Every structure is written in structure tokens, then in C-alpha cells.
Protein backbone atom coordinates (compact mmCIF):
# COMPACT_ATOMS: atom_id res chain seq x y z
CA MET A 1 -11.60 6.98 -8.95
CA ASP A 2 -12.24 4.25 -11.48
CA ASN A 3 -9.21 1.97 -12.05
CA GLN A 4 -9.73 1.95 -15.84
CA LEU A 5 -9.69 5.75 -15.87
CA ILE A 6 -6.45 5.75 -13.87
CA MET A 7 -4.86 3.19 -16.20
CA ASP A 8 -5.94 5.15 -19.29
CA LYS A 9 -4.39 8.26 -17.77
CA HIS A 10 -1.00 6.50 -17.52
CA ASP A 11 -1.06 4.74 -20.94
CA ASP A 12 0.90 7.55 -22.58
CA TYR A 13 3.86 7.19 -20.21
CA SER A 14 6.96 5.11 -20.93
CA LYS A 15 7.74 2.10 -18.78
CA SER A 16 10.44 4.01 -16.89
CA ASP A 17 7.97 6.84 -16.21
CA LYS A 18 5.44 4.32 -14.90
CA ILE A 19 8.06 2.78 -12.61
CA ASN A 20 9.02 6.25 -11.36
CA ILE A 21 5.37 7.02 -10.63
CA TYR A 22 5.05 3.67 -8.84
CA ASN A 23 8.20 4.32 -6.78
CA GLY A 24 6.82 7.70 -5.74
CA ARG A 25 3.50 6.25 -4.57
CA LYS A 26 4.46 2.87 -3.07
CA LEU A 27 4.74 2.25 0.65
CA ASP A 28 8.17 1.57 2.10
CA SER A 29 7.82 -1.44 4.39
CA THR A 30 10.59 -0.27 6.75
CA LYS A 31 8.93 3.09 7.31
CA MET A 32 5.54 1.43 7.73
CA TRP A 33 6.88 -0.96 10.37
CA ILE A 34 8.53 1.89 12.28
CA LEU A 35 5.32 3.94 12.16
CA PHE A 36 3.27 0.93 13.22
CA LEU A 37 5.51 -0.15 16.10
CA PHE A 38 5.96 3.32 17.57
CA LEU A 39 2.70 5.09 16.67
CA GLY A 40 0.27 2.33 15.73
CA TRP A 41 -0.02 3.93 12.28
CA SER A 42 -0.80 1.63 9.34
CA TYR A 43 -4.24 1.99 7.79
CA GLY A 44 -3.93 5.76 7.35
CA SER A 45 -1.04 5.33 4.92
CA MET A 46 -3.06 2.81 2.93
CA GLY A 47 -5.98 5.18 2.40
CA SER A 48 -8.24 3.85 5.18
CA MET A 49 -8.46 6.74 7.62
CA GLY A 50 -11.74 5.42 9.04
CA LYS A 51 -10.06 2.16 10.05
CA GLN A 52 -7.10 4.08 11.46
CA ILE A 53 -9.35 6.23 13.64
CA LEU A 54 -11.26 3.14 14.81
CA TYR A 55 -7.95 1.41 15.54
CA TYR A 56 -6.91 4.34 17.76
CA LEU A 57 -10.31 4.67 19.47
CA THR A 58 -10.36 0.97 20.40
CA LEU A 59 -6.67 1.03 21.44
CA GLY A 60 -5.71 -1.38 18.71
CA GLY A 61 -8.90 -3.38 18.96
CA PHE A 62 -8.13 -3.97 22.63
CA THR A 63 -4.67 -5.15 21.49
CA ILE A 64 -6.12 -8.12 19.56
CA TRP A 65 -6.19 -6.07 16.36
CA GLY A 66 -2.62 -4.92 17.01
CA ILE A 67 -1.39 -8.47 17.45
CA TYR A 68 -3.21 -9.48 14.26
CA LEU A 69 -1.47 -6.68 12.36
CA LEU A 70 1.93 -7.90 13.54
CA PHE A 71 1.36 -10.98 11.39
CA THR A 72 -0.46 -9.41 8.44
CA LEU A 73 1.13 -5.99 7.89
CA ASN A 74 3.69 -7.20 5.33
CA GLY A 75 0.94 -8.76 3.23
CA LYS A 76 -1.18 -5.60 3.44
CA ILE A 77 1.77 -3.47 2.31
CA LYS A 78 2.48 -5.83 -0.60
CA LYS A 79 -1.19 -5.83 -1.65
CA TYR A 80 -1.34 -2.02 -1.49
CA ASN A 81 1.84 -1.71 -3.57
CA LYS A 82 0.53 -4.22 -6.11
CA ASN A 83 -2.67 -2.18 -6.51
CA ILE A 84 -0.58 0.96 -7.06
CA ALA A 85 1.52 -0.84 -9.69
CA LEU A 86 -1.61 -1.98 -11.51
CA GLU A 87 -3.12 1.52 -11.36
CA VAL A 88 -0.02 2.95 -12.99
CA GLY A 89 -0.24 0.37 -15.77
CA LEU A 90 2.64 -1.98 -15.01
CA ASP A 91 2.24 -5.46 -16.48
CA GLY A 92 2.78 -8.96 -15.06
CA ASN A 93 6.49 -9.03 -15.88
CA ASP A 94 7.02 -5.74 -14.07
CA LEU A 95 5.07 -7.02 -11.06
CA MET A 96 7.29 -10.10 -10.96
CA LYS A 97 10.46 -7.96 -11.13
CA LEU A 98 9.14 -5.81 -8.28
CA GLY A 99 8.31 -8.91 -6.21
CA LEU A 100 4.58 -8.22 -6.27
CA SER A 101 3.27 -11.19 -8.22
């Protein structure tokens, strides 16, 4: 879906409504880490099922991919959440308050 279309869709909402929508769609880093450490699940929650299937089929990229994710998962979660915040129409000040700037 086009980002501009998504932003236009949320323009009629108040700031608190936008934050509520963001909170409903964002990824919780604690849950993501638990899912990743016990099930190897990460990309599926971020909308990349193809990568998730490939990750499983290659056993975590022969563990190299898994080790790489140990160091980059927090950044991927933050980037995903920032994209969600922008889709909902939150501005730079809101991103800073949410720790996403």
C-alpha cells in the first residue's frame, strides 16, 4: 500500500488516536527477543515471511545469519516501529518522544 495513501487515511485522527494506533501496531522488543531466542522468529513479525521461511530452511543461514541477527535485531525493531509511526502520521517531535528519531 502506498505510504501517502496510508498517511492520508490517518490525517483525520487526533494525535492521541494516532499514538493508540501506533501502540497497537508496533513491535514489542521483549516479545521479539523471546520469539527470536526460542523459535528463531523475527522477520515474520516484520512483514517479511519470505525471509522468515528462508531463515528456517537454511537453519538460520547456517547459524551465521542467526549470529548476525543477535547484533542487529534491536535496530530492525526500531526501524520497523519508526516506519509504523510515520505511516500513522506521527511527526518528528512524536518520534523523538517515542525514542525513534
